Amino acid sequence: MNVTWEGKHTFNLPIISDDIYYVAMLALNVVLLVLNISGGITNVINMLVFIRQGLTSDSITVSLFAMSVSDLLSSIFMFPWLVCFFMGCLNPSSQRNNYCNAITS
């Protein structure tokens, strides 16, 4: 611990280690991948049901169909980041990972 006389404290200790951070990120991204895939499948099923009911039948049907479309699009746009993360886990020294992270960010 570095302490100065002006009352400012600076700590040089990390809160968690790099290994714990890596395991936590891996666990969170596995859960996120499962939710992303299951959410995409569920939204496609919902959209098919709403189309089969007839989109012009009710304003609530139109609203729920639009919500399913926006949910599906958010899952699709989140998916490349997860693919890049797992590709980085397989080959961390690859230059492709830098490009992948730049594109998805």
Protein backbone atom coordinates (compact mmCIF):
# COMPACT_ATOMS: atom_id res chain seq x y z
CA MET A 1 0.00 0.00 0.00
CA ASN A 2 1.36 3.38 -0.98
CA VAL A 3 0.24 6.25 1.25
CA THR A 4 0.95 9.91 0.63
CA TRP A 5 0.75 12.69 3.19
CA GLU A 6 -2.08 14.49 1.36
CA GLY A 7 -4.48 11.78 2.47
CA LYS A 8 -4.63 10.02 -0.90
CA HIS A 9 -4.30 6.25 -0.81
CA THR A 10 -3.26 4.11 -3.74
CA PHE A 11 -3.45 0.34 -3.63
CA ASN A 12 -1.44 -1.81 -5.99
CA LEU A 13 -3.20 -5.08 -5.21
CA PRO A 14 -5.59 -6.58 -7.80
CA ILE A 15 -9.11 -7.35 -6.61
CA ILE A 16 -9.16 -10.79 -8.26
CA SER A 17 -6.47 -12.81 -9.99
CA ASP A 18 -6.32 -13.32 -13.74
CA ASP A 19 -7.21 -17.00 -13.39
CA ILE A 20 -10.38 -16.27 -11.45
CA TYR A 21 -11.34 -13.60 -13.99
CA TYR A 22 -10.83 -16.04 -16.87
CA VAL A 23 -12.94 -18.75 -15.22
CA ALA A 24 -15.71 -16.26 -14.40
CA MET A 25 -15.75 -14.90 -17.96
CA LEU A 26 -15.84 -18.42 -19.37
CA ALA A 27 -18.74 -19.44 -17.11
CA LEU A 28 -20.71 -16.27 -17.89
CA ASN A 29 -20.18 -16.62 -21.62
CA VAL A 30 -21.29 -20.27 -21.60
CA VAL A 31 -24.52 -19.24 -19.87
CA LEU A 32 -24.91 -16.33 -22.29
CA LEU A 33 -24.40 -18.64 -25.27
CA VAL A 34 -27.06 -21.07 -24.02
CA LEU A 35 -29.52 -18.23 -23.40
CA ASN A 36 -28.73 -16.69 -26.78
CA ILE A 37 -29.34 -19.89 -28.72
CA SER A 38 -32.49 -20.85 -26.79
CA GLY A 39 -33.81 -17.29 -27.07
CA GLY A 40 -33.27 -17.28 -30.82
CA ILE A 41 -35.11 -20.57 -31.25
CA THR A 42 -37.96 -19.43 -29.03
CA ASN A 43 -38.34 -16.13 -30.88
CA VAL A 44 -38.47 -17.89 -34.25
CA ILE A 45 -41.22 -20.17 -32.89
CA ASN A 46 -43.11 -17.13 -31.53
CA MET A 47 -42.86 -15.32 -34.85
CA LEU A 48 -44.18 -18.38 -36.72
CA VAL A 49 -47.12 -18.61 -34.33
CA PHE A 50 -47.94 -14.92 -34.72
CA ILE A 51 -47.73 -15.17 -38.51
CA ARG A 52 -50.00 -18.20 -38.45
CA GLN A 53 -52.53 -16.31 -36.30
CA GLY A 54 -52.52 -13.45 -38.72
CA LEU A 55 -50.62 -10.29 -37.98
CA THR A 56 -53.57 -8.03 -38.71
CA SER A 57 -55.89 -9.82 -36.29
CA ASP A 58 -55.10 -7.68 -33.25
CA SER A 59 -52.84 -4.83 -32.20
CA ILE A 60 -51.45 -6.96 -29.38
CA THR A 61 -50.40 -9.60 -31.90
CA VAL A 62 -48.55 -6.98 -33.93
CA SER A 63 -46.83 -5.67 -30.79
CA LEU A 64 -45.76 -9.12 -29.62
CA PHE A 65 -44.53 -10.01 -33.12
CA ALA A 66 -42.45 -6.82 -33.22
CA MET A 67 -41.02 -7.62 -29.80
CA SER A 68 -40.07 -11.11 -30.98
CA VAL A 69 -38.36 -9.65 -34.05
CA SER A 70 -36.36 -7.15 -31.98
CA ASP A 71 -35.41 -9.88 -29.50
CA LEU A 72 -34.25 -12.13 -32.33
CA LEU A 73 -32.18 -9.33 -33.84
CA SER A 74 -30.51 -8.60 -30.50
CA SER A 75 -29.64 -12.30 -30.18
CA ILE A 76 -28.22 -12.33 -33.70
CA PHE A 77 -26.09 -9.25 -33.08
CA MET A 78 -24.79 -10.66 -29.78
CA PHE A 79 -23.81 -14.03 -31.29
CA PRO A 80 -20.60 -12.92 -33.13
CA TRP A 81 -19.10 -11.60 -29.89
CA LEU A 82 -19.61 -14.99 -28.25
CA VAL A 83 -18.06 -16.78 -31.22
CA CYS A 84 -15.06 -14.44 -31.04
CA PHE A 85 -14.69 -15.08 -27.31
CA PHE A 86 -14.63 -18.85 -27.73
CA MET A 87 -12.28 -18.60 -30.72
CA GLY A 88 -9.96 -16.55 -28.51
CA CYS A 89 -10.10 -19.28 -25.87
CA LEU A 90 -9.04 -21.90 -28.40
CA ASN A 91 -6.17 -19.90 -29.89
CA PRO A 92 -5.31 -16.85 -27.75
CA SER A 93 -2.21 -15.82 -29.69
CA SER A 94 -3.93 -15.49 -33.06
CA GLN A 95 -3.97 -12.12 -34.82
CA ARG A 96 -7.49 -12.94 -36.01
CA ASN A 97 -8.75 -12.47 -32.44
CA ASN A 98 -7.68 -8.82 -32.46
CA TYR A 99 -9.63 -8.19 -35.65
CA CYS A 100 -12.60 -10.11 -34.34
CA ASN A 101 -12.73 -8.13 -31.11
CA ALA A 102 -12.39 -4.85 -32.99
CA ILE A 103 -15.25 -5.69 -35.31
CA THR A 104 -17.62 -6.89 -32.59
CA SER A 105 -16.87 -4.00 -30.26
